[in-house]
Amino acid sequence: MTTPTDVAPVHHEHAPAPAAETPASAALVAAGDLLRALAAPVRIAIVLQLRSSPRCVHELVDALEVTQPLISQHLRVLKSAGVVRGDRRGREVVYRLVDDHLAHIVVDAVAHVEEES
């Protein structure tokens, strides 16, 4: 006589999970635009810098060792995509992330790639 511990487990094919509801087309387009805005390595680095604290352009230039015009160009892309906003303080503009969710997207993407290596 066999006992339950003597019987090999039976593997059943699982039915596919029910499909998640697809967001509206406009939301998908906006999400695509956001991901495209985050798609450049310098923009990813900017988001990671702003994750720790708001920064002005010269601080990003120093931290990332990239030219000021290039940082400004990438900040324009991030700003138009709603990723960052700039607050003027005297002669400087201090940039900050609009939302912490955006930092999570970037951090998760970087962590995923690092796990693969």
C-alpha atoms as a PDB file:
ATOM      1  CA  MET A   1       0.000   0.000   0.000  1.00  0.00           C
ATOM      2  CA  THR A   2       1.324   3.474  -0.845  1.00  0.00           C
ATOM      3  CA  THR A   3       1.035   6.455   1.382  1.00  0.00           C
ATOM      4  CA  PRO A   4       0.609  10.047   0.198  1.00  0.00           C
ATOM      5  CA  THR A   5       4.335  10.679   0.679  1.00  0.00           C
ATOM      6  CA  ASP A   6       5.204   7.738  -1.644  1.00  0.00           C
ATOM      7  CA  VAL A   7       3.282   9.142  -4.596  1.00  0.00           C
ATOM      8  CA  ALA A   8       5.110  11.394  -7.031  1.00  0.00           C
ATOM      9  CA  PRO A   9       3.518  14.804  -7.454  1.00  0.00           C
ATOM     10  CA  VAL A  10       1.392  15.193 -10.543  1.00  0.00           C
ATOM     11  CA  HIS A  11       2.094  18.261 -12.666  1.00  0.00           C
ATOM     12  CA  HIS A  12      -0.967  19.735 -14.255  1.00  0.00           C
ATOM     13  CA  GLU A  13      -1.000  22.159 -17.098  1.00  0.00           C
ATOM     14  CA  HIS A  14      -2.300  25.461 -15.803  1.00  0.00           C
ATOM     15  CA  ALA A  15      -4.889  27.322 -17.707  1.00  0.00           C
ATOM     16  CA  PRO A  16      -3.619  30.707 -18.835  1.00  0.00           C
ATOM     17  CA  ALA A  17      -4.355  33.499 -16.434  1.00  0.00           C
ATOM     18  CA  PRO A  18      -7.233  35.694 -17.499  1.00  0.00           C
ATOM     19  CA  ALA A  19      -6.036  38.607 -19.577  1.00  0.00           C
ATOM     20  CA  ALA A  20      -5.629  41.863 -17.737  1.00  0.00           C
ATOM     21  CA  GLU A  21      -7.858  44.628 -18.917  1.00  0.00           C
ATOM     22  CA  THR A  22      -6.047  46.722 -21.517  1.00  0.00           C
ATOM     23  CA  PRO A  23      -5.919  50.435 -20.671  1.00  0.00           C
ATOM     24  CA  ALA A  24      -7.452  52.939 -23.042  1.00  0.00           C
ATOM     25  CA  SER A  25      -5.522  53.713 -26.193  1.00  0.00           C
ATOM     26  CA  ALA A  26      -4.661  57.230 -25.016  1.00  0.00           C
ATOM     27  CA  ALA A  27      -3.100  55.832 -21.826  1.00  0.00           C
ATOM     28  CA  LEU A  28      -1.009  53.387 -23.867  1.00  0.00           C
ATOM     29  CA  VAL A  29       0.215  56.190 -26.131  1.00  0.00           C
ATOM     30  CA  ALA A  30       1.099  58.347 -23.117  1.00  0.00           C
ATOM     31  CA  ALA A  31       2.937  55.424 -21.479  1.00  0.00           C
ATOM     32  CA  GLY A  32       4.891  54.872 -24.694  1.00  0.00           C
ATOM     33  CA  ASP A  33       5.821  58.559 -24.800  1.00  0.00           C
ATOM     34  CA  LEU A  34       6.985  58.386 -21.191  1.00  0.00           C
ATOM     35  CA  LEU A  35       9.108  55.293 -21.812  1.00  0.00           C
ATOM     36  CA  ARG A  36      10.660  56.913 -24.896  1.00  0.00           C
ATOM     37  CA  ALA A  37      11.541  59.968 -22.803  1.00  0.00           C
ATOM     38  CA  LEU A  38      13.326  57.697 -20.343  1.00  0.00           C
ATOM     39  CA  ALA A  39      15.089  55.694 -23.055  1.00  0.00           C
ATOM     40  CA  ALA A  40      18.418  57.579 -23.202  1.00  0.00           C
ATOM     41  CA  PRO A  41      21.253  56.635 -20.827  1.00  0.00           C
ATOM     42  CA  VAL A  42      21.871  60.270 -19.844  1.00  0.00           C
ATOM     43  CA  ARG A  43      18.183  60.760 -19.038  1.00  0.00           C
ATOM     44  CA  ILE A  44      18.222  57.592 -16.920  1.00  0.00           C
ATOM     45  CA  ALA A  45      21.252  58.959 -15.066  1.00  0.00           C
ATOM     46  CA  ILE A  46      19.482  62.310 -14.552  1.00  0.00           C
ATOM     47  CA  VAL A  47      16.433  60.575 -13.060  1.00  0.00           C
ATOM     48  CA  LEU A  48      18.683  58.574 -10.738  1.00  0.00           C
ATOM     49  CA  GLN A  49      20.419  61.783  -9.614  1.00  0.00           C
ATOM     50  CA  LEU A  50      17.118  63.577  -9.022  1.00  0.00           C
ATOM     51  CA  ARG A  51      15.836  60.583  -7.088  1.00  0.00           C
ATOM     52  CA  SER A  52      18.156  61.445  -4.215  1.00  0.00           C
ATOM     53  CA  SER A  53      17.522  65.202  -4.268  1.00  0.00           C
ATOM     54  CA  PRO A  54      16.571  68.138  -6.508  1.00  0.00           C
ATOM     55  CA  ARG A  55      19.518  69.474  -8.520  1.00  0.00           C
ATOM     56  CA  CYS A  56      20.373  72.423 -10.690  1.00  0.00           C
ATOM     57  CA  VAL A  57      22.007  71.998 -14.086  1.00  0.00           C
ATOM     58  CA  HIS A  58      25.593  72.616 -12.931  1.00  0.00           C
ATOM     59  CA  GLU A  59      25.218  69.924 -10.243  1.00  0.00           C
ATOM     60  CA  LEU A  60      24.045  67.438 -12.873  1.00  0.00           C
ATOM     61  CA  VAL A  61      26.921  68.453 -15.155  1.00  0.00           C
ATOM     62  CA  ASP A  62      29.413  67.798 -12.353  1.00  0.00           C
ATOM     63  CA  ALA A  63      27.811  64.534 -11.215  1.00  0.00           C
ATOM     64  CA  LEU A  64      27.393  63.040 -14.687  1.00  0.00           C
ATOM     65  CA  GLU A  65      30.457  64.582 -16.344  1.00  0.00           C
ATOM     66  CA  VAL A  66      28.398  65.626 -19.356  1.00  0.00           C
ATOM     67  CA  THR A  67      28.373  69.053 -20.993  1.00  0.00           C
ATOM     68  CA  GLN A  68      25.879  71.689 -19.884  1.00  0.00           C
ATOM     69  CA  PRO A  69      24.176  71.934 -23.305  1.00  0.00           C
ATOM     70  CA  LEU A  70      23.656  68.167 -23.370  1.00  0.00           C
ATOM     71  CA  ILE A  71      22.222  68.108 -19.822  1.00  0.00           C
ATOM     72  CA  SER A  72      19.908  71.001 -20.735  1.00  0.00           C
ATOM     73  CA  GLN A  73      18.733  69.212 -23.875  1.00  0.00           C
ATOM     74  CA  HIS A  74      17.924  66.039 -21.926  1.00  0.00           C
ATOM     75  CA  LEU A  75      16.179  68.033 -19.197  1.00  0.00           C
ATOM     76  CA  ARG A  76      13.962  69.636 -21.878  1.00  0.00           C
ATOM     77  CA  VAL A  77      12.912  66.168 -23.076  1.00  0.00           C
ATOM     78  CA  LEU A  78      12.225  65.000 -19.519  1.00  0.00           C
ATOM     79  CA  LYS A  79      10.325  68.192 -18.739  1.00  0.00           C
ATOM     80  CA  SER A  80       8.131  67.985 -21.831  1.00  0.00           C
ATOM     81  CA  ALA A  81       7.340  64.351 -20.971  1.00  0.00           C
ATOM     82  CA  GLY A  82       6.264  65.386 -17.474  1.00  0.00           C
ATOM     83  CA  VAL A  83       9.105  63.517 -15.753  1.00  0.00           C
ATOM     84  CA  VAL A  84      10.781  66.555 -14.186  1.00  0.00           C
ATOM     85  CA  ARG A  85       9.824  70.095 -13.367  1.00  0.00           C
ATOM     86  CA  GLY A  86      12.036  73.086 -12.840  1.00  0.00           C
ATOM     87  CA  ASP A  87      11.607  75.699 -10.130  1.00  0.00           C
ATOM     88  CA  ARG A  88      13.442  78.971 -10.622  1.00  0.00           C
ATOM     89  CA  ARG A  89      15.534  80.146  -7.700  1.00  0.00           C
ATOM     90  CA  GLY A  90      17.198  83.391  -8.601  1.00  0.00           C
ATOM     91  CA  ARG A  91      19.397  82.741 -11.639  1.00  0.00           C
ATOM     92  CA  GLU A  92      19.219  78.964 -11.312  1.00  0.00           C
ATOM     93  CA  VAL A  93      16.539  76.421 -12.073  1.00  0.00           C
ATOM     94  CA  VAL A  94      16.336  73.521  -9.653  1.00  0.00           C
ATOM     95  CA  TYR A  95      14.992  70.326 -11.218  1.00  0.00           C
ATOM     96  CA  ARG A  96      13.062  67.663  -9.355  1.00  0.00           C
ATOM     97  CA  LEU A  97      11.126  64.552 -10.268  1.00  0.00           C
ATOM     98  CA  VAL A  98       7.427  65.144 -10.702  1.00  0.00           C
ATOM     99  CA  ASP A  99       6.592  61.775  -9.156  1.00  0.00           C
ATOM    100  CA  ASP A 100       8.415  58.962  -7.336  1.00  0.00           C
ATOM    101  CA  HIS A 101       6.776  56.362  -9.604  1.00  0.00           C
ATOM    102  CA  LEU A 102       9.082  57.543 -12.365  1.00  0.00           C
ATOM    103  CA  ALA A 103      12.168  56.839 -10.288  1.00  0.00           C
ATOM    104  CA  HIS A 104      10.846  53.343  -9.557  1.00  0.00           C
ATOM    105  CA  ILE A 105      10.532  52.620 -13.279  1.00  0.00           C
ATOM    106  CA  VAL A 106      14.170  53.566 -13.837  1.00  0.00           C
ATOM    107  CA  VAL A 107      15.496  51.853 -10.702  1.00  0.00           C
ATOM    108  CA  ASP A 108      13.616  48.653 -11.570  1.00  0.00           C
ATOM    109  CA  ALA A 109      14.916  48.707 -15.156  1.00  0.00           C
ATOM    110  CA  VAL A 110      18.514  49.165 -13.994  1.00  0.00           C
ATOM    111  CA  ALA A 111      18.131  46.440 -11.339  1.00  0.00           C
ATOM    112  CA  HIS A 112      16.685  44.078 -13.939  1.00  0.00           C
ATOM    113  CA  VAL A 113      19.617  44.603 -16.285  1.00  0.00           C
ATOM    114  CA  GLU A 114      22.130  44.191 -13.465  1.00  0.00           C
ATOM    115  CA  GLU A 115      20.501  40.869 -12.482  1.00  0.00           C
ATOM    116  CA  GLU A 116      20.913  39.629 -16.042  1.00  0.00           C
ATOM    117  CA  SER A 117      24.676  40.343 -16.105  1.00  0.00           C
END
